[in-house]
N, C-alpha and C. Protein backbone atom coordinates (compact mmCIF):
# COMPACT_ATOMS: atom_id res chain seq x y z
N MET A 1 9.97 -28.95 23.11
CA MET A 1 9.26 -27.89 22.43
C MET A 1 10.47 -28.61 21.59
N LEU A 2 11.41 -29.54 21.14
CA LEU A 2 11.89 -30.27 20.10
C LEU A 2 10.58 -30.19 19.82
N GLY A 3 10.12 -30.97 19.91
CA GLY A 3 9.39 -32.08 19.15
C GLY A 3 8.34 -30.18 18.12
N ASP A 4 8.01 -28.91 19.08
CA ASP A 4 7.50 -28.35 18.65
C ASP A 4 7.75 -27.67 17.54
N PHE A 5 8.87 -26.97 17.27
CA PHE A 5 9.68 -26.41 16.31
C PHE A 5 9.65 -27.64 14.76
N ILE A 6 10.06 -29.35 15.02
CA ILE A 6 9.94 -29.94 14.50
C ILE A 6 8.57 -30.52 13.50
N THR A 7 7.81 -30.41 14.70
CA THR A 7 6.56 -29.58 13.69
C THR A 7 5.89 -28.56 13.18
N ARG A 8 6.43 -27.54 13.28
CA ARG A 8 6.37 -26.59 12.95
C ARG A 8 6.94 -26.75 11.51
N CYS A 9 8.24 -27.39 11.57
CA CYS A 9 8.88 -27.18 10.24
C CYS A 9 8.19 -28.26 9.19
N LEU A 10 8.10 -29.74 9.93
CA LEU A 10 7.71 -30.25 8.52
C LEU A 10 5.93 -29.65 8.08
N ILE A 11 5.30 -28.64 8.83
CA ILE A 11 3.79 -28.30 8.44
C ILE A 11 4.50 -26.86 7.23
N LEU A 12 5.74 -26.42 7.50
CA LEU A 12 6.26 -25.62 6.56
C LEU A 12 6.41 -26.44 5.17
N LEU A 13 7.02 -27.39 5.12
CA LEU A 13 7.34 -28.26 3.96
C LEU A 13 6.02 -28.80 3.77
N LEU A 14 5.42 -29.51 4.17
CA LEU A 14 4.33 -30.85 3.66
C LEU A 14 3.10 -30.14 3.41
N GLY A 15 2.37 -28.85 4.25
CA GLY A 15 1.84 -27.93 4.03
C GLY A 15 1.53 -26.03 3.08
N TYR A 16 2.90 -26.21 2.67
CA TYR A 16 3.03 -25.13 2.11
C TYR A 16 3.64 -25.31 0.94
N ALA A 17 5.28 -26.07 1.38
CA ALA A 17 6.16 -25.62 0.44
C ALA A 17 5.88 -27.18 -0.53
N TYR A 18 5.88 -28.10 -0.15
CA TYR A 18 5.67 -29.04 -1.17
C TYR A 18 4.03 -28.74 -2.34
N PRO A 19 2.91 -28.72 -1.24
CA PRO A 19 1.86 -27.60 -2.14
C PRO A 19 1.72 -27.00 -3.24
N GLY A 20 2.46 -25.48 -2.69
CA GLY A 20 3.23 -24.95 -3.69
C GLY A 20 3.76 -25.32 -4.78
N PHE A 21 4.81 -26.30 -4.63
CA PHE A 21 5.98 -26.55 -6.09
C PHE A 21 4.84 -27.75 -7.01
N GLU A 22 3.90 -27.96 -6.07
CA GLU A 22 2.73 -29.07 -6.69
C GLU A 22 1.98 -28.50 -7.66
N CYS A 23 1.36 -27.04 -7.45
CA CYS A 23 0.67 -26.11 -7.94
C CYS A 23 2.11 -25.44 -8.84
N TYR A 24 2.81 -25.03 -9.12
CA TYR A 24 4.01 -24.60 -9.93
C TYR A 24 3.32 -25.64 -10.47
N LYS A 25 4.81 -26.94 -11.02
CA LYS A 25 3.87 -27.95 -11.50
C LYS A 25 2.92 -27.85 -12.62
N THR A 26 2.09 -27.68 -11.45
CA THR A 26 0.28 -28.33 -12.10
C THR A 26 0.42 -27.04 -13.33
N VAL A 27 0.60 -25.68 -12.96
CA VAL A 27 0.64 -24.27 -13.37
C VAL A 27 1.35 -24.33 -15.53
N GLU A 28 3.05 -24.75 -14.85
CA GLU A 28 3.75 -24.68 -15.36
C GLU A 28 3.43 -25.99 -16.27
N ASN A 29 2.57 -27.46 -16.03
CA ASN A 29 2.86 -27.98 -17.50
C ASN A 29 1.89 -28.02 -18.53
N ASN A 30 2.56 -27.62 -19.72
CA ASN A 30 1.76 -28.11 -20.73
C ASN A 30 0.42 -29.02 -21.00
N ARG A 31 0.38 -29.78 -20.44
CA ARG A 31 -0.68 -30.16 -20.52
C ARG A 31 -1.78 -30.13 -18.68
N VAL A 32 -1.60 -28.58 -18.76
CA VAL A 32 -2.42 -28.67 -17.39
C VAL A 32 -4.49 -29.24 -18.02
N GLY A 33 -4.28 -30.22 -16.72
CA GLY A 33 -5.77 -30.50 -16.48
C GLY A 33 -6.74 -29.66 -16.06
N ASN A 34 -7.59 -28.91 -15.80
CA ASN A 34 -8.70 -28.13 -15.15
C ASN A 34 -8.74 -28.91 -13.73
N ASP A 35 -9.05 -30.26 -14.26
CA ASP A 35 -9.07 -30.88 -12.66
C ASP A 35 -7.88 -30.90 -11.74
N GLU A 36 -7.02 -30.68 -12.28
CA GLU A 36 -6.25 -30.24 -11.42
C GLU A 36 -5.30 -28.88 -10.68
N LEU A 37 -6.07 -28.43 -12.18
CA LEU A 37 -5.88 -26.73 -11.68
C LEU A 37 -6.51 -25.93 -10.33
N ARG A 38 -7.88 -26.76 -10.14
CA ARG A 38 -9.12 -26.81 -9.76
C ARG A 38 -8.76 -26.97 -8.37
N PHE A 39 -8.16 -28.49 -8.42
CA PHE A 39 -7.48 -29.16 -7.04
C PHE A 39 -6.77 -27.93 -6.23
N TRP A 40 -6.01 -27.58 -6.96
CA TRP A 40 -4.92 -26.91 -5.74
C TRP A 40 -5.49 -25.11 -5.51
N CYS A 41 -6.13 -24.82 -6.44
CA CYS A 41 -6.52 -23.24 -6.46
C CYS A 41 -7.82 -23.98 -4.94
N GLN A 42 -8.80 -24.59 -4.88
CA GLN A 42 -9.24 -25.62 -3.94
C GLN A 42 -8.15 -25.52 -2.48
N TYR A 43 -7.69 -26.30 -2.47
CA TYR A 43 -5.91 -26.94 -1.40
C TYR A 43 -5.81 -25.19 -1.46
N TRP A 44 -5.80 -24.17 -1.98
CA TRP A 44 -5.22 -23.12 -1.67
C TRP A 44 -6.30 -21.83 -1.13
N ILE A 45 -7.10 -21.74 -1.37
CA ILE A 45 -8.15 -21.49 -0.83
C ILE A 45 -8.27 -21.96 0.60
N ILE A 46 -8.86 -23.79 0.91
CA ILE A 46 -8.70 -24.08 2.36
C ILE A 46 -7.26 -23.30 2.76
N VAL A 47 -6.40 -23.42 2.65
CA VAL A 47 -5.20 -23.70 3.67
C VAL A 47 -4.78 -21.50 4.06
N ALA A 48 -5.82 -20.88 3.09
CA ALA A 48 -5.59 -19.54 3.64
C ALA A 48 -6.99 -19.43 4.29
N LEU A 49 -8.38 -19.36 4.18
CA LEU A 49 -9.14 -19.93 5.29
C LEU A 49 -8.35 -20.47 7.04
N PHE A 50 -7.74 -21.58 6.39
CA PHE A 50 -7.76 -22.00 8.12
C PHE A 50 -5.98 -21.21 8.30
N THR A 51 -5.96 -21.15 7.89
CA THR A 51 -4.91 -19.85 8.76
C THR A 51 -5.09 -18.48 9.36
N VAL A 52 -6.32 -17.89 8.43
CA VAL A 52 -6.89 -16.42 8.97
C VAL A 52 -7.26 -16.70 10.07
N LEU A 53 -8.39 -18.42 10.05
CA LEU A 53 -9.05 -18.72 11.40
C LEU A 53 -8.42 -19.16 12.54
N GLU A 54 -7.28 -20.17 12.18
CA GLU A 54 -6.16 -20.07 13.12
C GLU A 54 -5.98 -19.06 13.72
N ASN A 55 -5.68 -17.90 13.40
CA ASN A 55 -4.94 -17.14 13.75
C ASN A 55 -5.91 -16.04 14.71
N PHE A 56 -6.99 -16.53 15.27
CA PHE A 56 -8.05 -15.83 15.76
C PHE A 56 -8.28 -16.61 16.50
N ALA A 57 -8.62 -18.20 16.29
CA ALA A 57 -8.37 -19.00 17.03
C ALA A 57 -7.66 -19.52 18.27
N ASP A 58 -6.18 -19.40 17.75
CA ASP A 58 -4.98 -19.72 18.03
C ASP A 58 -5.20 -19.25 19.95
N VAL A 59 -5.85 -18.53 20.49
CA VAL A 59 -6.10 -18.59 22.34
C VAL A 59 -6.88 -19.84 22.75
N VAL A 60 -7.98 -19.99 22.36
CA VAL A 60 -8.43 -21.53 22.16
C VAL A 60 -7.95 -22.44 21.79
N ILE A 61 -7.36 -22.37 20.80
CA ILE A 61 -6.92 -23.86 19.85
C ILE A 61 -5.30 -24.24 20.26
N GLY A 62 -4.83 -23.22 20.55
CA GLY A 62 -3.17 -23.27 20.08
C GLY A 62 -2.27 -24.67 21.32
N TRP A 63 -3.23 -24.14 22.34
CA TRP A 63 -3.30 -24.87 23.40
C TRP A 63 -3.82 -26.55 23.62
N LEU A 64 -4.71 -26.76 23.23
CA LEU A 64 -4.41 -27.85 22.52
C LEU A 64 -3.55 -29.16 22.45
N PRO A 65 -2.80 -30.18 23.04
CA PRO A 65 -2.35 -31.03 23.10
C PRO A 65 -2.82 -31.98 21.91
N MET A 66 -0.95 -32.25 21.16
CA MET A 66 -0.53 -32.34 20.09
C MET A 66 -1.36 -31.18 18.63
N TYR A 67 -1.67 -30.36 18.92
CA TYR A 67 -2.30 -29.21 17.68
C TYR A 67 -1.42 -29.42 16.60
N GLY A 68 0.00 -29.15 16.27
CA GLY A 68 0.70 -29.05 15.80
C GLY A 68 0.72 -30.63 14.62
N GLU A 69 0.99 -31.46 15.43
CA GLU A 69 0.66 -32.87 14.73
C GLU A 69 -0.70 -32.94 14.19
N LEU A 70 -2.17 -32.54 14.75
CA LEU A 70 -3.23 -32.29 14.13
C LEU A 70 -3.24 -31.79 11.86
N LYS A 71 -2.47 -30.25 12.74
CA LYS A 71 -2.65 -29.80 11.99
C LYS A 71 -2.08 -29.96 10.89
N LEU A 72 -0.69 -30.57 10.85
CA LEU A 72 0.22 -31.81 10.03
C LEU A 72 -0.72 -32.54 9.03
N ALA A 73 -1.48 -32.85 10.09
CA ALA A 73 -2.37 -34.46 9.11
C ALA A 73 -3.85 -34.15 8.50
N LEU A 74 -3.60 -32.46 9.24
CA LEU A 74 -5.02 -31.82 8.20
C LEU A 74 -4.33 -31.77 7.08
N PHE A 75 -3.38 -30.74 6.89
CA PHE A 75 -3.00 -30.55 5.76
C PHE A 75 -1.86 -31.44 4.86
N ILE A 76 -1.97 -32.93 4.83
CA ILE A 76 -1.28 -34.07 4.46
C ILE A 76 -2.48 -34.51 3.65
N TYR A 77 -3.92 -34.74 4.58
CA TYR A 77 -5.40 -35.22 4.56
C TYR A 77 -5.55 -34.22 2.82
N LEU A 78 -5.49 -33.63 2.89
CA LEU A 78 -5.32 -32.82 1.59
C LEU A 78 -5.19 -32.54 0.77
N TRP A 79 -3.98 -32.69 0.60
CA TRP A 79 -3.47 -32.84 -0.88
C TRP A 79 -3.11 -34.15 -1.23
N TYR A 80 -3.09 -34.99 0.10
CA TYR A 80 -2.24 -36.24 -0.52
C TYR A 80 -3.65 -37.44 -1.30
N PRO A 81 -2.21 -37.66 -2.43
CA PRO A 81 -3.34 -38.44 -3.47
C PRO A 81 -4.43 -39.70 -3.39
N LYS A 82 -4.08 -40.35 -2.25
CA LYS A 82 -5.27 -41.56 -2.27
C LYS A 82 -6.18 -40.68 -1.63
N THR A 83 -6.11 -39.60 -0.65
CA THR A 83 -7.60 -39.17 -0.13
C THR A 83 -7.94 -37.73 -1.40
N LYS A 84 -6.93 -37.19 -0.96
CA LYS A 84 -7.39 -35.67 -1.51
C LYS A 84 -8.78 -35.17 -1.25
N GLY A 85 -8.18 -34.99 -0.03
CA GLY A 85 -9.40 -34.48 0.65
C GLY A 85 -9.61 -32.89 0.74
N THR A 86 -9.06 -32.88 -0.12
CA THR A 86 -9.77 -31.04 -0.82
C THR A 86 -10.58 -31.10 -1.49
N GLY A 87 -10.61 -32.12 -2.49
CA GLY A 87 -12.31 -32.17 -3.62
C GLY A 87 -13.26 -32.01 -1.87
N TYR A 88 -13.15 -33.00 -0.81
CA TYR A 88 -14.54 -33.15 -0.01
C TYR A 88 -14.52 -31.65 0.59
N VAL A 89 -13.40 -31.09 1.84
CA VAL A 89 -13.83 -30.09 2.16
C VAL A 89 -14.20 -28.98 1.46
N TYR A 90 -13.94 -29.18 0.13
CA TYR A 90 -14.46 -27.31 -0.37
C TYR A 90 -15.84 -27.78 -0.65
N ASN A 91 -16.10 -28.86 -1.10
CA ASN A 91 -17.19 -29.51 -1.93
C ASN A 91 -19.02 -29.44 -0.68
N ALA A 92 -17.78 -29.71 0.69
CA ALA A 92 -19.04 -30.18 1.34
C ALA A 92 -19.29 -29.13 2.61
N ILE A 93 -18.18 -28.73 3.16
CA ILE A 93 -18.31 -27.99 4.07
C ILE A 93 -18.02 -26.18 3.41
N LEU A 94 -16.94 -25.95 2.75
CA LEU A 94 -16.67 -24.17 2.13
C LEU A 94 -17.75 -24.39 1.57
N ARG A 95 -17.81 -24.01 0.36
CA ARG A 95 -18.38 -24.32 -0.86
C ARG A 95 -20.32 -23.78 -0.57
N PRO A 96 -20.91 -24.78 0.15
CA PRO A 96 -22.41 -24.69 0.53
C PRO A 96 -22.38 -23.46 1.51
N TYR A 97 -21.35 -22.76 2.77
CA TYR A 97 -21.47 -22.27 2.90
C TYR A 97 -21.22 -20.74 2.88
N VAL A 98 -19.77 -20.81 1.97
CA VAL A 98 -20.18 -19.29 0.89
C VAL A 98 -21.05 -18.99 0.15
N SER A 99 -20.99 -19.66 -0.62
CA SER A 99 -22.54 -19.94 -1.70
C SER A 99 -24.12 -19.43 -0.99
N ASN A 100 -24.17 -19.48 0.29
CA ASN A 100 -24.93 -19.24 1.52
C ASN A 100 -25.02 -17.74 1.31
N HIS A 101 -23.87 -17.67 2.07
CA HIS A 101 -23.50 -16.33 2.51
C HIS A 101 -22.03 -15.22 2.06
N GLU A 102 -22.43 -15.28 0.20
CA GLU A 102 -21.64 -14.32 -0.52
C GLU A 102 -21.97 -13.35 -0.11
N ASN A 103 -23.32 -12.80 -0.30
CA ASN A 103 -23.57 -11.11 -0.14
C ASN A 103 -22.86 -10.61 1.18
N ASP A 104 -23.46 -11.34 2.04
CA ASP A 104 -22.99 -11.05 3.14
C ASP A 104 -21.19 -10.84 3.66
N ILE A 105 -20.92 -11.62 2.98
CA ILE A 105 -19.31 -11.94 3.59
C ILE A 105 -18.48 -10.68 2.60
N GLU A 106 -19.32 -10.30 0.87
CA GLU A 106 -18.75 -9.40 0.34
C GLU A 106 -18.55 -7.95 1.17
N LYS A 107 -20.06 -8.12 1.63
CA LYS A 107 -20.33 -6.85 1.98
C LYS A 107 -19.49 -6.21 3.11
N LYS A 108 -19.51 -7.28 4.16
CA LYS A 108 -18.56 -6.97 5.31
C LYS A 108 -16.90 -6.32 5.03
N PHE A 109 -16.33 -7.35 3.43
CA PHE A 109 -15.03 -6.95 3.13
C PHE A 109 -15.15 -5.45 2.70
N ARG A 110 -16.16 -5.40 2.06
CA ARG A 110 -16.19 -3.87 2.04
C ARG A 110 -16.28 -3.07 3.15
N GLU A 111 -16.65 -3.01 4.05
CA GLU A 111 -17.20 -2.50 5.08
C GLU A 111 -15.80 -2.45 5.89
N TRP A 112 -14.46 -3.73 5.79
CA TRP A 112 -13.67 -3.93 6.72
C TRP A 112 -12.41 -3.00 5.47
N ARG A 113 -12.73 -2.50 4.41
CA ARG A 113 -11.74 -2.22 3.25
C ARG A 113 -12.02 -1.07 3.80
N ALA A 114 -13.31 -0.04 3.40
CA ALA A 114 -13.62 1.04 3.61
C ALA A 114 -13.04 1.65 4.76
N ARG A 115 -12.78 0.42 5.90
CA ARG A 115 -12.66 1.47 7.67
C ARG A 115 -11.21 0.83 7.62
N ALA A 116 -10.68 0.42 7.26
CA ALA A 116 -9.17 0.45 7.20
C ALA A 116 -8.55 1.21 6.34
N TRP A 117 -8.60 1.51 5.09
CA TRP A 117 -9.02 2.69 4.29
C TRP A 117 -8.46 3.92 5.45
N GLU A 118 -9.72 4.18 6.05
CA GLU A 118 -9.87 5.74 6.90
C GLU A 118 -9.03 5.76 7.66
N LEU A 119 -8.73 3.84 8.51
CA LEU A 119 -7.49 3.74 8.94
C LEU A 119 -5.92 4.60 9.26
N ALA A 120 -6.19 4.13 8.14
CA ALA A 120 -4.97 4.17 7.13
C ALA A 120 -4.70 5.77 7.06
N ILE A 121 -5.16 6.55 6.67
CA ILE A 121 -5.77 7.75 6.21
C ILE A 121 -5.29 8.88 7.49
N PHE A 122 -5.89 8.39 8.53
CA PHE A 122 -6.03 8.40 10.09
C PHE A 122 -4.36 8.78 10.51
N TYR A 123 -3.58 7.95 10.61
CA TYR A 123 -3.12 7.46 11.27
C TYR A 123 -1.80 7.87 9.82
N TRP A 124 -1.67 8.40 9.11
CA TRP A 124 -1.19 8.66 7.46
C TRP A 124 -1.45 10.38 8.53
N GLN A 125 -2.18 11.05 8.71
CA GLN A 125 -1.88 12.18 8.70
C GLN A 125 -1.57 12.85 10.34
N ASN A 126 -1.56 11.91 11.08
CA ASN A 126 -1.02 11.85 12.56
C ASN A 126 0.01 12.08 12.80
N CYS A 127 1.02 10.64 11.64
CA CYS A 127 2.00 10.46 11.29
C CYS A 127 3.03 11.01 11.07
N THR A 128 2.31 12.27 9.53
CA THR A 128 2.87 13.50 9.19
C THR A 128 3.10 14.49 9.74
N GLU A 129 1.69 14.84 10.44
CA GLU A 129 1.22 15.76 11.83
C GLU A 129 2.76 15.53 12.60
N LEU A 130 3.05 14.92 13.44
CA LEU A 130 3.99 14.43 14.33
C LEU A 130 5.71 14.05 13.70
N GLY A 131 5.74 14.10 12.32
CA GLY A 131 6.78 13.98 11.87
C GLY A 131 7.05 15.74 11.55
N GLN A 132 6.50 16.28 11.16
CA GLN A 132 7.21 17.47 11.10
C GLN A 132 6.84 18.35 12.54
N ALA A 133 6.20 17.78 12.71
CA ALA A 133 6.37 18.96 14.52
C ALA A 133 7.52 18.33 15.23
N THR A 134 8.22 17.19 14.33
CA THR A 134 9.32 16.76 15.59
C THR A 134 10.04 17.37 14.86
N THR A 135 10.37 17.30 13.46
CA THR A 135 11.37 18.15 12.78
C THR A 135 11.49 19.16 13.31
N PHE A 136 10.75 19.79 13.80
CA PHE A 136 10.72 21.12 13.66
C PHE A 136 11.37 21.63 15.13
N GLN A 137 11.35 20.71 16.01
CA GLN A 137 11.46 20.74 16.59
C GLN A 137 13.49 20.68 17.14
N ILE A 138 13.47 19.45 16.22
CA ILE A 138 14.61 19.22 15.95
C ILE A 138 15.97 20.34 14.86
N LEU A 139 15.22 20.83 14.54
CA LEU A 139 15.49 22.24 14.08
C LEU A 139 15.83 23.49 14.40
N ASP A 140 15.15 24.03 15.35
CA ASP A 140 15.03 24.94 16.09
C ASP A 140 15.63 24.32 17.53
N PHE A 141 16.27 23.17 17.95
CA PHE A 141 17.27 22.96 18.56
C PHE A 141 18.27 23.09 18.45
N LEU A 142 18.56 22.50 16.78
CA LEU A 142 19.64 22.33 16.07
C LEU A 142 20.02 24.21 16.42
N ALA A 143 19.11 24.76 15.78
CA ALA A 143 19.35 26.34 15.49
C ALA A 143 19.59 27.16 16.68
N ALA A 144 19.19 26.55 18.05
CA ALA A 144 19.76 27.62 18.81
C ALA A 144 21.02 26.65 19.39
N GLN A 145 21.54 25.62 19.76
CA GLN A 145 22.76 25.50 19.67
C GLN A 145 24.03 26.04 19.18
N SER A 146 23.35 26.16 17.41
CA SER A 146 24.45 27.09 16.78
C SER A 146 24.45 28.45 16.90
N LYS A 147 23.42 29.39 16.95
CA LYS A 147 23.74 30.28 17.72
C LYS A 147 24.80 30.30 18.62
N LYS A 148 24.02 29.48 19.65
CA LYS A 148 25.19 29.66 21.31
C LYS A 148 26.56 28.82 21.11
N PHE A 149 26.69 28.22 19.58
CA PHE A 149 27.94 28.39 20.18
C PHE A 149 28.94 28.96 18.93
N SER A 150 27.91 30.43 18.23
CA SER A 150 28.75 30.93 17.09
C SER A 150 28.77 32.22 17.43
N SER A 151 27.59 32.21 18.47
CA SER A 151 28.32 33.99 19.92
C SER A 151 29.42 34.19 20.03
N LYS A 152 29.17 32.31 20.34
CA LYS A 152 30.58 32.15 21.60
C LYS A 152 31.97 32.60 21.00
N SER A 153 31.95 32.26 19.21
CA SER A 153 33.27 32.35 18.70
C SER A 153 32.81 33.56 17.99
N PHE A 154 32.09 33.69 17.71
CA PHE A 154 32.39 35.44 16.92
C PHE A 154 32.33 36.61 18.07
N ASP A 155 32.37 36.24 19.16
CA ASP A 155 32.93 37.19 20.41
C ASP A 155 34.19 37.25 21.06
N LYS A 156 34.96 35.85 20.98
CA LYS A 156 36.39 35.58 20.56
C LYS A 156 36.96 36.27 19.47
N LYS A 157 36.53 36.57 18.44
CA LYS A 157 36.57 36.86 17.43
C LYS A 157 36.67 38.46 16.98
N LYS A 158 35.44 38.48 17.34
CA LYS A 158 35.39 40.60 17.95
C LYS A 158 37.00 40.41 18.59
N GLU A 159 36.82 39.82 20.34
CA GLU A 159 37.88 40.52 20.81
C GLU A 159 39.26 40.86 19.96
N LYS A 160 39.93 39.33 19.18
CA LYS A 160 41.44 39.34 18.61
C LYS A 160 41.39 41.07 17.82
N MET A 161 40.24 41.20 16.98
CA MET A 161 40.02 41.86 15.61
C MET A 161 39.75 42.89 16.50
N GLY A 162 39.24 44.02 17.55
CA GLY A 162 39.15 45.06 17.87
C GLY A 162 38.05 46.03 17.14
N PRO A 163 37.57 46.55 17.13
CA PRO A 163 37.20 48.00 16.72
C PRO A 163 36.56 47.45 15.51
N THR A 164 35.43 47.18 14.84
CA THR A 164 34.67 47.27 13.34
C THR A 164 35.21 48.46 12.83
N PRO A 165 35.42 49.15 11.56
CA PRO A 165 36.01 49.53 11.13
C PRO A 165 34.17 50.62 10.50
N SER A 166 33.46 51.13 10.84
CA SER A 166 32.22 52.16 10.20
C SER A 166 32.00 52.61 8.67
N ALA A 167 30.99 52.22 8.25
CA ALA A 167 30.77 52.36 6.73
C ALA A 167 30.07 54.00 6.76
N PRO A 168 31.07 54.24 5.87
CA PRO A 168 30.30 56.04 5.60
C PRO A 168 28.64 55.68 5.56
N PRO A 169 27.97 57.00 5.60
CA PRO A 169 26.26 56.78 5.43
C PRO A 169 26.26 56.29 3.83
N LEU A 170 24.77 55.46 3.48
CA LEU A 170 24.75 55.30 2.05
C LEU A 170 24.23 56.11 1.62
N SER A 171 23.31 57.68 2.09
CA SER A 171 22.95 59.14 1.26
C SER A 171 24.08 60.05 0.96
N SER A 172 25.59 59.42 2.16
CA SER A 172 26.51 60.35 1.18
C SER A 172 27.10 59.95 -0.04
N ILE A 173 27.14 58.38 -0.02
CA ILE A 173 27.70 57.81 -1.11
C ILE A 173 26.79 57.53 -2.16
N ARG A 174 25.52 58.05 -2.41
CA ARG A 174 24.76 58.17 -2.96
C ARG A 174 24.63 59.37 -3.89
N ASP A 175 24.94 60.29 -2.39
CA ASP A 175 24.82 61.63 -3.14
C ASP A 175 26.08 61.99 -4.68
N SER A 176 27.03 61.60 -3.26
CA SER A 176 29.27 61.87 -4.50
C SER A 176 28.28 61.05 -5.18
N LEU A 177 27.59 60.08 -5.17
CA LEU A 177 28.33 59.36 -7.22
C LEU A 177 26.90 59.68 -8.58
N PHE A 178 25.84 60.52 -8.08
CA PHE A 178 25.12 61.35 -8.82
C PHE A 178 25.21 62.51 -8.96
N GLU A 179 25.87 63.40 -7.38
CA GLU A 179 26.97 64.30 -8.06
C GLU A 179 27.80 64.79 -9.60
N ASN A 180 28.53 63.44 -9.65
CA ASN A 180 29.48 63.99 -10.49
C ASN A 180 29.26 63.47 -11.65
N ASN A 181 29.21 63.76 -12.88
CA ASN A 181 29.00 63.81 -13.87
C ASN A 181 27.23 63.02 -14.10
N GLN A 182 26.32 63.87 -13.85
CA GLN A 182 25.71 63.68 -13.18
C GLN A 182 24.75 63.55 -14.61
N ASN A 183 25.10 64.48 -15.34
CA ASN A 183 24.55 64.23 -17.39
C ASN A 183 25.33 63.50 -17.92
N ASN A 184 26.38 62.75 -18.15
CA ASN A 184 27.65 62.56 -18.81
C ASN A 184 27.22 60.91 -18.82
N PHE A 185 26.17 60.62 -18.84
CA PHE A 185 25.68 58.98 -19.44
C PHE A 185 25.98 58.61 -20.37
N PRO A 186 26.95 57.09 -21.04
CA PRO A 186 26.94 56.91 -22.53
C PRO A 186 25.60 56.96 -22.85
N GLY A 187 25.56 57.35 -24.74
CA GLY A 187 24.38 57.41 -25.30
C GLY A 187 23.50 58.75 -25.10
N ARG A 188 23.50 59.28 -23.89
CA ARG A 188 23.17 60.88 -23.76
C ARG A 188 23.19 62.12 -24.54
N LYS A 189 23.10 62.63 -24.72
CA LYS A 189 23.37 64.11 -25.53
C LYS A 189 23.95 64.81 -24.29
N ASN A 190 24.67 65.86 -23.52
CA ASN A 190 24.67 66.69 -23.35
C ASN A 190 23.42 67.32 -23.07
N LYS A 191 22.93 67.50 -22.33
CA LYS A 191 21.98 68.84 -22.58
C LYS A 191 22.18 69.59 -20.98
N ARG A 192 22.24 70.65 -20.67
CA ARG A 192 21.62 70.91 -19.55
C ARG A 192 20.04 71.09 -18.91
N TRP A 193 20.08 70.93 -17.96
CA TRP A 193 18.10 71.09 -17.63
C TRP A 193 18.46 72.82 -16.77
N ASP A 194 17.92 73.27 -16.91
CA ASP A 194 18.09 74.35 -15.73
C ASP A 194 16.38 74.38 -14.68
């Protein structure tokens, strides 16, 4: 268990962190050679491909004894200055395969991208509908609870206050307002309408 942890730490340091730093130095170096930059780009292409394949094949190869140590050895082989295995793996294995199948790979990526977009839209719509329905359910619940508490408190207040006075009907108020001084509005001449 401890050996596996140490191996994973070494893979992170020597497989990702150190090559990442070397790549950074190469890019930021004022006298960057095209060969150095090409080497590090090839390294990261191989590491990215290996990481993707490893995630899919982990069920099959993850149980192999010393798998972590073999992975560590592969990473060191790829960037080690004396072996520089990146050039060999890239030129002998990866480049010929990808150049022969480049159109098929590109077509598959376009299909996967379209499917992923459709799936994302489908889930977005479902999540928004679910979220909206849940929000309305919560608001309905809160409204019901509010009515329940407010009607109880209103009934108690009503009992304390006694009977509520009634207002005069609206029609009687309107008639009384318009009977008095109907023709005495400001700016209007007093005329009698027959």
